[in-house]
Amino acid sequence: MWPFVCAILALIGAYCSICWLYENLRTPVSLVLHGIAQLVLPQKPFSEKYGEWAVITGASDGIGKGYAEYLAGRRMNIVLVARNENKLNRVAEEIQRKYSVRTKVVVADFANGEAVYEHLARELLPLDVGILVNNVGLSYDRGMCMEELPKKLVWDLLTVNVASVTMLCHLMVPAMKQRGRGLIINISSLSASAPAPYLSVYAAAKVYVRNFSMALREELRPHRVEVQTVLPGFVRTNMTAFVASEYDGKAASKQLVRVDDYVRYAGFTIGKTDRTCGYWWHGLQYAGLKLVPEFVRVFVLQTIYSHLRGAKKNV
């Protein structure tokens, strides 16, 4: 009897190991294979492979600005979408001067809901949009319990983080399918790896982005339109400014990856893998979280965000 039990446990262990290895090695293996292919075979520029224009939401700073600069450096024309016109114009001028590509500024506040998409349709549909980067996002300024969130913030978290991704894909997918090419990059979050107490609405919204993106990828695969899901950890942006200020010089602050470093790694994965954390250290964190049961992941995220909650309240 005991040998039989040992054999069953060994099979279970082997199965779990294979699942974990597949889940966490598929991206690096895909990157290696595509890297080798690039050395051997001529590669089309993004503008020829996907289309002339790249649309980036939340492009006035942070990861969105980083993607805009990265894609401009690959000779794509750039549409910058955000709510702050002055910031957008500065970024547009900087990109034009540095990369000598065309830019277009579209002012849109995604918190305004349905009305904003009529404006976006008029501005975007006439263009040959090859890459759509759904980066715009809204988070908390500290860890908070659900009932502490102002009602307006709850609506904005859902409208900005969930509706924007969904409705922009709904807007842009038909033209991409008709052309038989295109790439959608949806920015989720490492917090989508488990329920995150004190960041509950934001983390749940990012789970939606992950699941929506993976399902959409399969719908669009027959039409040669690619969908990539990106799950960043902590990156030094305006959304994580309170972490940087409260933990300056401490371990938590040092975990914040600079935008330039993050986008350099994440950009390398474009067209090579359908899912990535974007940065090697974030990939290791994701693999570690997936190695433990969900209740442990919940405990880890609860510890992180409750600590940030306490730090902010003590300011």
C-alpha atoms as a PDB file:
ATOM      1  CA  MET A   1       0.000   0.000   0.000  1.00  0.00           C
ATOM      2  CA  TRP A   2       2.744   2.469   0.956  1.00  0.00           C
ATOM      3  CA  PRO A   3       4.614   2.128  -2.385  1.00  0.00           C
ATOM      4  CA  PHE A   4       1.337   2.820  -4.179  1.00  0.00           C
ATOM      5  CA  VAL A   5       0.738   5.978  -2.123  1.00  0.00           C
ATOM      6  CA  CYS A   6       4.319   7.110  -2.807  1.00  0.00           C
ATOM      7  CA  ALA A   7       3.813   6.546  -6.536  1.00  0.00           C
ATOM      8  CA  ILE A   8       0.591   8.582  -6.533  1.00  0.00           C
ATOM      9  CA  LEU A   9       2.276  11.431  -4.602  1.00  0.00           C
ATOM     10  CA  ALA A  10       5.214  11.328  -7.013  1.00  0.00           C
ATOM     11  CA  LEU A  11       2.848  11.611  -9.987  1.00  0.00           C
ATOM     12  CA  ILE A  12       1.037  14.515  -8.353  1.00  0.00           C
ATOM     13  CA  GLY A  13       4.368  16.209  -7.631  1.00  0.00           C
ATOM     14  CA  ALA A  14       5.564  15.672 -11.189  1.00  0.00           C
ATOM     15  CA  TYR A  15       2.308  17.030 -12.612  1.00  0.00           C
ATOM     16  CA  CYS A  16       2.435  20.135 -10.390  1.00  0.00           C
ATOM     17  CA  SER A  17       6.093  20.715 -11.273  1.00  0.00           C
ATOM     18  CA  ILE A  18       5.389  20.436 -14.991  1.00  0.00           C
ATOM     19  CA  CYS A  19       2.480  22.895 -14.705  1.00  0.00           C
ATOM     20  CA  TRP A  20       4.599  25.398 -12.750  1.00  0.00           C
ATOM     21  CA  LEU A  21       7.536  25.068 -15.135  1.00  0.00           C
ATOM     22  CA  TYR A  22       5.296  25.573 -18.160  1.00  0.00           C
ATOM     23  CA  GLU A  23       3.598  28.578 -16.579  1.00  0.00           C
ATOM     24  CA  ASN A  24       6.873  30.291 -15.685  1.00  0.00           C
ATOM     25  CA  LEU A  25       9.308  29.156 -18.397  1.00  0.00           C
ATOM     26  CA  ARG A  26       7.094  29.629 -21.446  1.00  0.00           C
ATOM     27  CA  THR A  27       7.913  33.340 -21.627  1.00  0.00           C
ATOM     28  CA  PRO A  28      11.729  33.130 -21.264  1.00  0.00           C
ATOM     29  CA  VAL A  29      11.865  30.150 -23.652  1.00  0.00           C
ATOM     30  CA  SER A  30       9.753  32.067 -26.183  1.00  0.00           C
ATOM     31  CA  LEU A  31      12.038  35.099 -25.859  1.00  0.00           C
ATOM     32  CA  VAL A  32      15.144  32.970 -26.414  1.00  0.00           C
ATOM     33  CA  LEU A  33      13.665  31.288 -29.490  1.00  0.00           C
ATOM     34  CA  HIS A  34      12.532  34.575 -30.986  1.00  0.00           C
ATOM     35  CA  GLY A  35      15.908  36.136 -30.176  1.00  0.00           C
ATOM     36  CA  ILE A  36      17.664  33.377 -32.099  1.00  0.00           C
ATOM     37  CA  ALA A  37      15.209  33.778 -34.989  1.00  0.00           C
ATOM     38  CA  GLN A  38      15.979  37.494 -35.157  1.00  0.00           C
ATOM     39  CA  LEU A  39      19.666  36.725 -35.569  1.00  0.00           C
ATOM     40  CA  VAL A  40      18.995  34.311 -38.417  1.00  0.00           C
ATOM     41  CA  LEU A  41      15.976  35.710 -40.248  1.00  0.00           C
ATOM     42  CA  PRO A  42      15.285  39.291 -41.403  1.00  0.00           C
ATOM     43  CA  GLN A  43      12.680  40.984 -39.222  1.00  0.00           C
ATOM     44  CA  LYS A  44      10.000  43.382 -40.412  1.00  0.00           C
ATOM     45  CA  PRO A  45       9.869  46.781 -38.690  1.00  0.00           C
ATOM     46  CA  PHE A  46       6.873  47.255 -36.410  1.00  0.00           C
ATOM     47  CA  SER A  47       5.282  49.752 -38.803  1.00  0.00           C
ATOM     48  CA  GLU A  48       5.296  47.169 -41.589  1.00  0.00           C
ATOM     49  CA  LYS A  49       4.378  44.193 -39.421  1.00  0.00           C
ATOM     50  CA  TYR A  50       1.550  45.834 -37.482  1.00  0.00           C
ATOM     51  CA  GLY A  51       0.711  49.258 -38.910  1.00  0.00           C
ATOM     52  CA  GLU A  52       1.864  52.842 -39.166  1.00  0.00           C
ATOM     53  CA  TRP A  53       0.602  54.278 -35.869  1.00  0.00           C
ATOM     54  CA  ALA A  54       0.874  53.247 -32.211  1.00  0.00           C
ATOM     55  CA  VAL A  55      -1.763  54.486 -29.761  1.00  0.00           C
ATOM     56  CA  ILE A  56      -0.730  54.716 -26.112  1.00  0.00           C
ATOM     57  CA  THR A  57      -3.155  55.680 -23.343  1.00  0.00           C
ATOM     58  CA  GLY A  58      -1.896  57.230 -20.132  1.00  0.00           C
ATOM     59  CA  ALA A  59       1.002  58.481 -22.253  1.00  0.00           C
ATOM     60  CA  SER A  60       1.844  61.719 -20.459  1.00  0.00           C
ATOM     61  CA  ASP A  61       4.232  60.048 -18.014  1.00  0.00           C
ATOM     62  CA  GLY A  62       5.319  56.759 -16.453  1.00  0.00           C
ATOM     63  CA  ILE A  63       5.058  53.456 -18.304  1.00  0.00           C
ATOM     64  CA  GLY A  64       2.843  54.963 -21.004  1.00  0.00           C
ATOM     65  CA  LYS A  65       5.423  57.603 -21.882  1.00  0.00           C
ATOM     66  CA  GLY A  66       8.099  54.902 -21.797  1.00  0.00           C
ATOM     67  CA  TYR A  67       6.194  52.783 -24.343  1.00  0.00           C
ATOM     68  CA  ALA A  68       5.653  55.855 -26.533  1.00  0.00           C
ATOM     69  CA  GLU A  69       9.386  56.564 -26.623  1.00  0.00           C
ATOM     70  CA  TYR A  70      10.266  52.903 -27.171  1.00  0.00           C
ATOM     71  CA  LEU A  71       7.896  52.550 -30.141  1.00  0.00           C
ATOM     72  CA  ALA A  72       8.948  55.908 -31.581  1.00  0.00           C
ATOM     73  CA  GLY A  73      12.512  54.605 -31.455  1.00  0.00           C
ATOM     74  CA  ARG A  74      11.274  51.726 -33.654  1.00  0.00           C
ATOM     75  CA  ARG A  75      10.065  54.278 -36.229  1.00  0.00           C
ATOM     76  CA  MET A  76       6.363  54.175 -35.418  1.00  0.00           C
ATOM     77  CA  ASN A  77       4.219  57.295 -35.437  1.00  0.00           C
ATOM     78  CA  ILE A  78       2.733  57.911 -32.018  1.00  0.00           C
ATOM     79  CA  VAL A  79      -0.736  58.887 -30.777  1.00  0.00           C
ATOM     80  CA  LEU A  80      -0.532  60.103 -27.181  1.00  0.00           C
ATOM     81  CA  VAL A  81      -3.761  59.854 -25.189  1.00  0.00           C
ATOM     82  CA  ALA A  82      -4.235  61.265 -21.675  1.00  0.00           C
ATOM     83  CA  ARG A  83      -6.190  63.944 -19.853  1.00  0.00           C
ATOM     84  CA  ASN A  84      -3.446  66.574 -19.333  1.00  0.00           C
ATOM     85  CA  GLU A  85      -2.999  68.482 -22.600  1.00  0.00           C
ATOM     86  CA  ASN A  86       0.070  70.424 -21.476  1.00  0.00           C
ATOM     87  CA  LYS A  87       1.935  67.258 -20.487  1.00  0.00           C
ATOM     88  CA  LEU A  88       0.913  65.548 -23.716  1.00  0.00           C
ATOM     89  CA  ASN A  89       2.181  68.420 -25.835  1.00  0.00           C
ATOM     90  CA  ARG A  90       5.526  68.401 -24.028  1.00  0.00           C
ATOM     91  CA  VAL A  91       5.911  64.651 -24.547  1.00  0.00           C
ATOM     92  CA  ALA A  92       4.874  64.960 -28.210  1.00  0.00           C
ATOM     93  CA  GLU A  93       7.439  67.693 -28.854  1.00  0.00           C
ATOM     94  CA  GLU A  94      10.135  65.689 -27.073  1.00  0.00           C
ATOM     95  CA  ILE A  95       9.390  62.566 -29.144  1.00  0.00           C
ATOM     96  CA  GLN A  96       9.292  64.502 -32.435  1.00  0.00           C
ATOM     97  CA  ARG A  97      12.603  66.172 -31.662  1.00  0.00           C
ATOM     98  CA  LYS A  98      14.325  62.992 -30.520  1.00  0.00           C
ATOM     99  CA  TYR A  99      12.968  60.399 -32.962  1.00  0.00           C
ATOM    100  CA  SER A 100      11.774  62.414 -35.994  1.00  0.00           C
ATOM    101  CA  VAL A 101       8.406  60.647 -36.175  1.00  0.00           C
ATOM    102  CA  ARG A 102       4.897  62.057 -36.438  1.00  0.00           C
ATOM    103  CA  THR A 103       2.892  62.485 -33.253  1.00  0.00           C
ATOM    104  CA  LYS A 104      -0.737  63.193 -32.510  1.00  0.00           C
ATOM    105  CA  VAL A 105      -2.167  64.370 -29.195  1.00  0.00           C
ATOM    106  CA  VAL A 106      -5.640  63.259 -28.124  1.00  0.00           C
ATOM    107  CA  VAL A 107      -6.953  64.695 -24.868  1.00  0.00           C
ATOM    108  CA  ALA A 108      -9.294  62.256 -23.118  1.00  0.00           C
ATOM    109  CA  ASP A 109     -10.280  61.761 -19.495  1.00  0.00           C
ATOM    110  CA  PHE A 110     -11.373  58.129 -19.247  1.00  0.00           C
ATOM    111  CA  ALA A 111     -13.128  58.839 -15.949  1.00  0.00           C
ATOM    112  CA  ASN A 112     -15.810  60.629 -18.015  1.00  0.00           C
ATOM    113  CA  GLY A 113     -17.108  57.286 -19.212  1.00  0.00           C
ATOM    114  CA  GLU A 114     -19.032  56.547 -22.406  1.00  0.00           C
ATOM    115  CA  ALA A 115     -18.902  60.025 -23.945  1.00  0.00           C
ATOM    116  CA  VAL A 116     -15.113  59.944 -24.347  1.00  0.00           C
ATOM    117  CA  TYR A 117     -15.204  57.066 -26.846  1.00  0.00           C
ATOM    118  CA  GLU A 118     -17.101  59.011 -29.505  1.00  0.00           C
ATOM    119  CA  HIS A 119     -14.274  61.544 -29.426  1.00  0.00           C
ATOM    120  CA  LEU A 120     -11.659  58.768 -29.579  1.00  0.00           C
ATOM    121  CA  ALA A 121     -13.410  57.111 -32.521  1.00  0.00           C
ATOM    122  CA  ARG A 122     -13.264  60.346 -34.534  1.00  0.00           C
ATOM    123  CA  GLU A 123      -9.561  60.786 -33.772  1.00  0.00           C
ATOM    124  CA  LEU A 124      -8.318  57.190 -34.072  1.00  0.00           C
ATOM    125  CA  LEU A 125     -10.377  55.286 -36.634  1.00  0.00           C
ATOM    126  CA  PRO A 126      -9.083  57.225 -39.691  1.00  0.00           C
ATOM    127  CA  LEU A 127      -5.502  56.161 -38.771  1.00  0.00           C
ATOM    128  CA  ASP A 128      -3.711  52.913 -39.642  1.00  0.00           C
ATOM    129  CA  VAL A 129      -3.342  51.905 -35.989  1.00  0.00           C
ATOM    130  CA  GLY A 130      -1.031  48.907 -35.730  1.00  0.00           C
ATOM    131  CA  ILE A 131      -0.322  48.852 -31.991  1.00  0.00           C
ATOM    132  CA  LEU A 132      -2.680  49.781 -29.163  1.00  0.00           C
ATOM    133  CA  VAL A 133      -1.170  50.061 -25.683  1.00  0.00           C
ATOM    134  CA  ASN A 134      -3.919  50.139 -23.064  1.00  0.00           C
ATOM    135  CA  ASN A 135      -1.855  51.574 -20.240  1.00  0.00           C
ATOM    136  CA  VAL A 136      -4.087  54.177 -18.606  1.00  0.00           C
ATOM    137  CA  GLY A 137      -4.782  53.243 -15.011  1.00  0.00           C
ATOM    138  CA  LEU A 138      -5.849  54.564 -11.635  1.00  0.00           C
ATOM    139  CA  SER A 139      -4.857  53.236  -8.231  1.00  0.00           C
ATOM    140  CA  TYR A 140      -5.067  54.200  -4.545  1.00  0.00           C
ATOM    141  CA  ASP A 141      -2.753  56.758  -2.972  1.00  0.00           C
ATOM    142  CA  ARG A 142      -2.319  54.276  -0.081  1.00  0.00           C
ATOM    143  CA  GLY A 143      -3.672  50.924   1.037  1.00  0.00           C
ATOM    144  CA  MET A 144      -7.322  51.345   2.078  1.00  0.00           C
ATOM    145  CA  CYS A 145     -10.245  49.240   3.247  1.00  0.00           C
ATOM    146  CA  MET A 146     -13.142  49.058   0.835  1.00  0.00           C
ATOM    147  CA  GLU A 147     -15.423  51.311   2.890  1.00  0.00           C
ATOM    148  CA  GLU A 148     -12.711  53.989   3.152  1.00  0.00           C
ATOM    149  CA  LEU A 149     -12.743  54.569  -0.604  1.00  0.00           C
ATOM    150  CA  PRO A 150     -14.732  57.618  -1.712  1.00  0.00           C
ATOM    151  CA  LYS A 151     -17.646  56.601  -3.949  1.00  0.00           C
ATOM    152  CA  LYS A 152     -16.252  58.704  -6.820  1.00  0.00           C
ATOM    153  CA  LEU A 153     -12.922  56.877  -6.588  1.00  0.00           C
ATOM    154  CA  VAL A 154     -14.647  53.476  -6.736  1.00  0.00           C
ATOM    155  CA  TRP A 155     -16.452  54.479  -9.940  1.00  0.00           C
ATOM    156  CA  ASP A 156     -13.253  55.929 -11.406  1.00  0.00           C
ATOM    157  CA  LEU A 157     -11.279  52.777 -10.575  1.00  0.00           C
ATOM    158  CA  LEU A 158     -13.796  50.705 -12.532  1.00  0.00           C
ATOM    159  CA  THR A 159     -14.294  53.186 -15.356  1.00  0.00           C
ATOM    160  CA  VAL A 160     -10.604  53.883 -15.941  1.00  0.00           C
ATOM    161  CA  ASN A 161      -9.111  50.444 -15.280  1.00  0.00           C
ATOM    162  CA  VAL A 162     -11.815  48.197 -16.720  1.00  0.00           C
ATOM    163  CA  ALA A 163     -13.985  50.147 -19.174  1.00  0.00           C
ATOM    164  CA  SER A 164     -11.079  51.852 -20.975  1.00  0.00           C
ATOM    165  CA  VAL A 165      -9.384  48.566 -21.911  1.00  0.00           C
ATOM    166  CA  THR A 166     -12.643  46.963 -22.970  1.00  0.00           C
ATOM    167  CA  MET A 167     -14.055  49.837 -24.980  1.00  0.00           C
ATOM    168  CA  LEU A 168     -10.812  50.729 -26.762  1.00  0.00           C
ATOM    169  CA  CYS A 169     -10.421  47.109 -27.852  1.00  0.00           C
ATOM    170  CA  HIS A 170     -14.059  47.147 -28.955  1.00  0.00           C
ATOM    171  CA  LEU A 171     -13.311  50.305 -30.933  1.00  0.00           C
ATOM    172  CA  MET A 172     -10.029  49.256 -32.579  1.00  0.00           C
ATOM    173  CA  VAL A 173     -10.406  45.491 -33.130  1.00  0.00           C
ATOM    174  CA  PRO A 174     -12.706  45.610 -36.195  1.00  0.00           C
ATOM    175  CA  ALA A 175     -10.180  47.604 -38.257  1.00  0.00           C
ATOM    176  CA  MET A 176      -7.302  45.368 -37.115  1.00  0.00           C
ATOM    177  CA  LYS A 177      -9.258  42.255 -38.099  1.00  0.00           C
ATOM    178  CA  GLN A 178     -10.106  43.753 -41.470  1.00  0.00           C
ATOM    179  CA  ARG A 179      -6.433  44.529 -42.148  1.00  0.00           C
ATOM    180  CA  GLY A 180      -5.329  41.120 -40.842  1.00  0.00           C
ATOM    181  CA  ARG A 181      -2.627  42.582 -38.609  1.00  0.00           C
ATOM    182  CA  GLY A 182      -2.191  44.445 -35.358  1.00  0.00           C
ATOM    183  CA  LEU A 183      -1.053  44.155 -31.754  1.00  0.00           C
ATOM    184  CA  ILE A 184      -2.871  45.045 -28.545  1.00  0.00           C
ATOM    185  CA  ILE A 185      -0.799  45.417 -25.373  1.00  0.00           C
ATOM    186  CA  ASN A 186      -2.918  45.473 -22.220  1.00  0.00           C
ATOM    187  CA  ILE A 187      -1.211  46.510 -18.988  1.00  0.00           C
ATOM    188  CA  SER A 188      -2.457  44.459 -16.045  1.00  0.00           C
ATOM    189  CA  SER A 189      -0.496  44.172 -12.782  1.00  0.00           C
ATOM    190  CA  LEU A 190       1.400  41.704 -10.633  1.00  0.00           C
ATOM    191  CA  SER A 191      -1.354  42.293  -8.076  1.00  0.00           C
ATOM    192  CA  ALA A 192      -3.593  40.224 -10.392  1.00  0.00           C
ATOM    193  CA  SER A 193      -1.750  37.100  -9.197  1.00  0.00           C
ATOM    194  CA  ALA A 194      -3.919  36.921  -6.048  1.00  0.00           C
ATOM    195  CA  PRO A 195      -6.638  38.821  -4.171  1.00  0.00           C
ATOM    196  CA  ALA A 196      -5.011  41.881  -2.564  1.00  0.00           C
ATOM    197  CA  PRO A 197      -6.572  43.121   0.687  1.00  0.00           C
ATOM    198  CA  TYR A 198      -6.363  46.930   1.074  1.00  0.00           C
ATOM    199  CA  LEU A 199      -6.006  47.170  -2.718  1.00  0.00           C
ATOM    200  CA  SER A 200      -9.100  45.121  -3.462  1.00  0.00           C
ATOM    201  CA  VAL A 201     -10.816  47.097  -6.246  1.00  0.00           C
ATOM    202  CA  TYR A 202      -7.620  47.917  -8.150  1.00  0.00           C
ATOM    203  CA  ALA A 203      -6.301  44.349  -7.957  1.00  0.00           C
ATOM    204  CA  ALA A 204      -9.669  42.896  -9.004  1.00  0.00           C
ATOM    205  CA  ALA A 205      -9.788  45.280 -11.968  1.00  0.00           C
ATOM    206  CA  LYS A 206      -6.348  44.075 -13.045  1.00  0.00           C
ATOM    207  CA  VAL A 207      -7.548  40.453 -12.851  1.00  0.00           C
ATOM    208  CA  TYR A 208     -10.249  41.482 -15.307  1.00  0.00           C
ATOM    209  CA  VAL A 209      -7.630  42.969 -17.633  1.00  0.00           C
ATOM    210  CA  ARG A 210      -5.577  39.762 -17.497  1.00  0.00           C
ATOM    211  CA  ASN A 211      -8.493  37.416 -18.141  1.00  0.00           C
ATOM    212  CA  PHE A 212     -10.043  39.660 -20.786  1.00  0.00           C
ATOM    213  CA  SER A 213      -6.719  39.928 -22.625  1.00  0.00           C
ATOM    214  CA  MET A 214      -6.068  36.185 -22.615  1.00  0.00           C
ATOM    215  CA  ALA A 215      -9.562  35.445 -23.917  1.00  0.00           C
ATOM    216  CA  LEU A 216      -9.339  38.168 -26.557  1.00  0.00           C
ATOM    217  CA  ARG A 217      -6.011  36.738 -27.719  1.00  0.00           C
ATOM    218  CA  GLU A 218      -7.697  33.471 -28.653  1.00  0.00           C
ATOM    219  CA  GLU A 219     -10.556  35.259 -30.417  1.00  0.00           C
ATOM    220  CA  LEU A 220      -8.146  37.285 -32.544  1.00  0.00           C
ATOM    221  CA  ARG A 221      -5.546  34.607 -33.223  1.00  0.00           C
ATOM    222  CA  PRO A 222      -7.249  33.398 -36.464  1.00  0.00           C
ATOM    223  CA  HIS A 223      -7.222  36.997 -37.729  1.00  0.00           C
ATOM    224  CA  ARG A 224      -3.454  37.442 -37.163  1.00  0.00           C
ATOM    225  CA  VAL A 225      -4.016  40.110 -34.526  1.00  0.00           C
ATOM    226  CA  GLU A 226      -1.835  39.621 -31.451  1.00  0.00           C
ATOM    227  CA  VAL A 227      -2.692  40.407 -27.829  1.00  0.00           C
ATOM    228  CA  GLN A 228      -0.022  40.690 -25.146  1.00  0.00           C
ATOM    229  CA  THR A 229      -0.771  40.828 -21.415  1.00  0.00           C
ATOM    230  CA  VAL A 230       1.780  42.687 -19.271  1.00  0.00           C
ATOM    231  CA  LEU A 231       1.849  42.240 -15.485  1.00  0.00           C
ATOM    232  CA  PRO A 232       4.235  44.801 -13.960  1.00  0.00           C
ATOM    233  CA  GLY A 233       5.299  44.845 -10.337  1.00  0.00           C
ATOM    234  CA  PHE A 234       6.352  48.056  -8.608  1.00  0.00           C
ATOM    235  CA  VAL A 235       7.679  50.619 -11.127  1.00  0.00           C
ATOM    236  CA  ARG A 236       8.759  54.138 -10.149  1.00  0.00           C
ATOM    237  CA  THR A 237       5.814  56.161 -11.498  1.00  0.00           C
ATOM    238  CA  ASN A 238       3.326  58.709 -10.154  1.00  0.00           C
ATOM    239  CA  MET A 239       1.113  55.818  -9.016  1.00  0.00           C
ATOM    240  CA  THR A 240       3.861  54.566  -6.695  1.00  0.00           C
ATOM    241  CA  ALA A 241       5.196  57.977  -5.634  1.00  0.00           C
ATOM    242  CA  PHE A 242       4.003  57.518  -2.045  1.00  0.00           C
ATOM    243  CA  VAL A 243       6.049  54.315  -1.754  1.00  0.00           C
ATOM    244  CA  ALA A 244       9.165  56.110  -2.963  1.00  0.00           C
ATOM    245  CA  SER A 245       8.659  59.051  -0.616  1.00  0.00           C
ATOM    246  CA  GLU A 246       7.708  57.091   2.493  1.00  0.00           C
ATOM    247  CA  TYR A 247      10.421  54.445   2.095  1.00  0.00           C
ATOM    248  CA  ASP A 248      13.213  56.511   0.585  1.00  0.00           C
ATOM    249  CA  GLY A 249      16.454  54.544   0.961  1.00  0.00           C
ATOM    250  CA  LYS A 250      14.678  51.492   2.401  1.00  0.00           C
ATOM    251  CA  ALA A 251      14.052  48.069   0.889  1.00  0.00           C
ATOM    252  CA  ALA A 252      10.522  48.905  -0.345  1.00  0.00           C
ATOM    253  CA  SER A 253      11.760  51.949  -2.251  1.00  0.00           C
ATOM    254  CA  LYS A 254      14.620  49.972  -3.786  1.00  0.00           C
ATOM    255  CA  GLN A 255      12.089  47.515  -5.232  1.00  0.00           C
ATOM    256  CA  LEU A 256      10.782  50.264  -7.521  1.00  0.00           C
ATOM    257  CA  VAL A 257      12.162  49.724 -11.024  1.00  0.00           C
ATOM    258  CA  ARG A 258      12.983  52.810 -13.072  1.00  0.00           C
ATOM    259  CA  VAL A 259      10.633  53.311 -16.025  1.00  0.00           C
ATOM    260  CA  ASP A 260      13.471  53.313 -18.561  1.00  0.00           C
ATOM    261  CA  ASP A 261      14.775  49.986 -17.271  1.00  0.00           C
ATOM    262  CA  TYR A 262      11.288  48.495 -17.176  1.00  0.00           C
ATOM    263  CA  VAL A 263      10.287  49.532 -20.690  1.00  0.00           C
ATOM    264  CA  ARG A 264      13.615  48.398 -22.147  1.00  0.00           C
ATOM    265  CA  TYR A 265      12.885  44.852 -20.952  1.00  0.00           C
ATOM    266  CA  ALA A 266       9.131  44.986 -21.663  1.00  0.00           C
ATOM    267  CA  GLY A 267       9.743  46.422 -25.126  1.00  0.00           C
ATOM    268  CA  PHE A 268      12.042  43.545 -25.992  1.00  0.00           C
ATOM    269  CA  THR A 269       9.109  41.148 -25.442  1.00  0.00           C
ATOM    270  CA  ILE A 270       6.828  42.895 -27.982  1.00  0.00           C
ATOM    271  CA  GLY A 271       5.877  40.455 -30.715  1.00  0.00           C
ATOM    272  CA  LYS A 272       7.717  37.613 -29.001  1.00  0.00           C
ATOM    273  CA  THR A 273       5.420  36.447 -26.203  1.00  0.00           C
ATOM    274  CA  ASP A 274       1.742  36.801 -25.371  1.00  0.00           C
ATOM    275  CA  ARG A 275       2.274  37.290 -21.624  1.00  0.00           C
ATOM    276  CA  THR A 276       5.067  38.872 -19.633  1.00  0.00           C
ATOM    277  CA  CYS A 277       5.775  40.638 -16.375  1.00  0.00           C
ATOM    278  CA  GLY A 278       7.931  42.953 -18.437  1.00  0.00           C
ATOM    279  CA  TYR A 279      10.953  42.881 -16.143  1.00  0.00           C
ATOM    280  CA  TRP A 280      13.056  39.931 -15.003  1.00  0.00           C
ATOM    281  CA  TRP A 281      12.729  40.666 -11.280  1.00  0.00           C
ATOM    282  CA  HIS A 282       8.957  40.953 -11.550  1.00  0.00           C
ATOM    283  CA  GLY A 283       8.941  37.633 -13.394  1.00  0.00           C
ATOM    284  CA  LEU A 284      10.767  35.999 -10.483  1.00  0.00           C
ATOM    285  CA  GLN A 285       8.275  37.516  -8.043  1.00  0.00           C
ATOM    286  CA  TYR A 286       5.379  36.172 -10.098  1.00  0.00           C
ATOM    287  CA  ALA A 287       6.959  32.713 -10.242  1.00  0.00           C
ATOM    288  CA  GLY A 288       7.471  32.756  -6.478  1.00  0.00           C
ATOM    289  CA  LEU A 289       3.858  33.738  -5.826  1.00  0.00           C
ATOM    290  CA  LYS A 290       2.607  30.972  -8.126  1.00  0.00           C
ATOM    291  CA  LEU A 291       4.737  28.452  -6.237  1.00  0.00           C
ATOM    292  CA  VAL A 292       2.662  28.811  -3.053  1.00  0.00           C
ATOM    293  CA  PRO A 293      -1.055  28.262  -2.307  1.00  0.00           C
ATOM    294  CA  GLU A 294      -3.448  31.147  -2.808  1.00  0.00           C
ATOM    295  CA  PHE A 295      -3.911  31.804   0.914  1.00  0.00           C
ATOM    296  CA  VAL A 296      -0.153  32.400   1.193  1.00  0.00           C
ATOM    297  CA  ARG A 297      -0.261  34.803  -1.774  1.00  0.00           C
ATOM    298  CA  VAL A 298      -3.162  36.650  -0.148  1.00  0.00           C
ATOM    299  CA  PHE A 299      -1.181  36.883   3.091  1.00  0.00           C
ATOM    300  CA  VAL A 300       1.878  38.238   1.272  1.00  0.00           C
ATOM    301  CA  LEU A 301      -0.106  40.932  -0.562  1.00  0.00           C
ATOM    302  CA  GLN A 302      -2.082  41.767   2.570  1.00  0.00           C
ATOM    303  CA  THR A 303       1.169  42.242   4.482  1.00  0.00           C
ATOM    304  CA  ILE A 304       2.588  44.533   1.790  1.00  0.00           C
ATOM    305  CA  TYR A 305      -0.460  46.758   1.422  1.00  0.00           C
ATOM    306  CA  SER A 306      -1.390  46.867   5.102  1.00  0.00           C
ATOM    307  CA  HIS A 307       2.151  48.071   5.779  1.00  0.00           C
ATOM    308  CA  LEU A 308       1.780  50.778   3.134  1.00  0.00           C
ATOM    309  CA  ARG A 309      -1.627  51.643   4.603  1.00  0.00           C
ATOM    310  CA  GLY A 310      -0.131  52.077   8.062  1.00  0.00           C
ATOM    311  CA  ALA A 311       2.792  54.125   6.796  1.00  0.00           C
ATOM    312  CA  LYS A 312       0.567  56.569   4.926  1.00  0.00           C
ATOM    313  CA  LYS A 313      -1.811  57.007   7.865  1.00  0.00           C
ATOM    314  CA  ASN A 314       1.093  57.878  10.126  1.00  0.00           C
ATOM    315  CA  VAL A 315       2.310  60.734   7.926  1.00  0.00           C
END
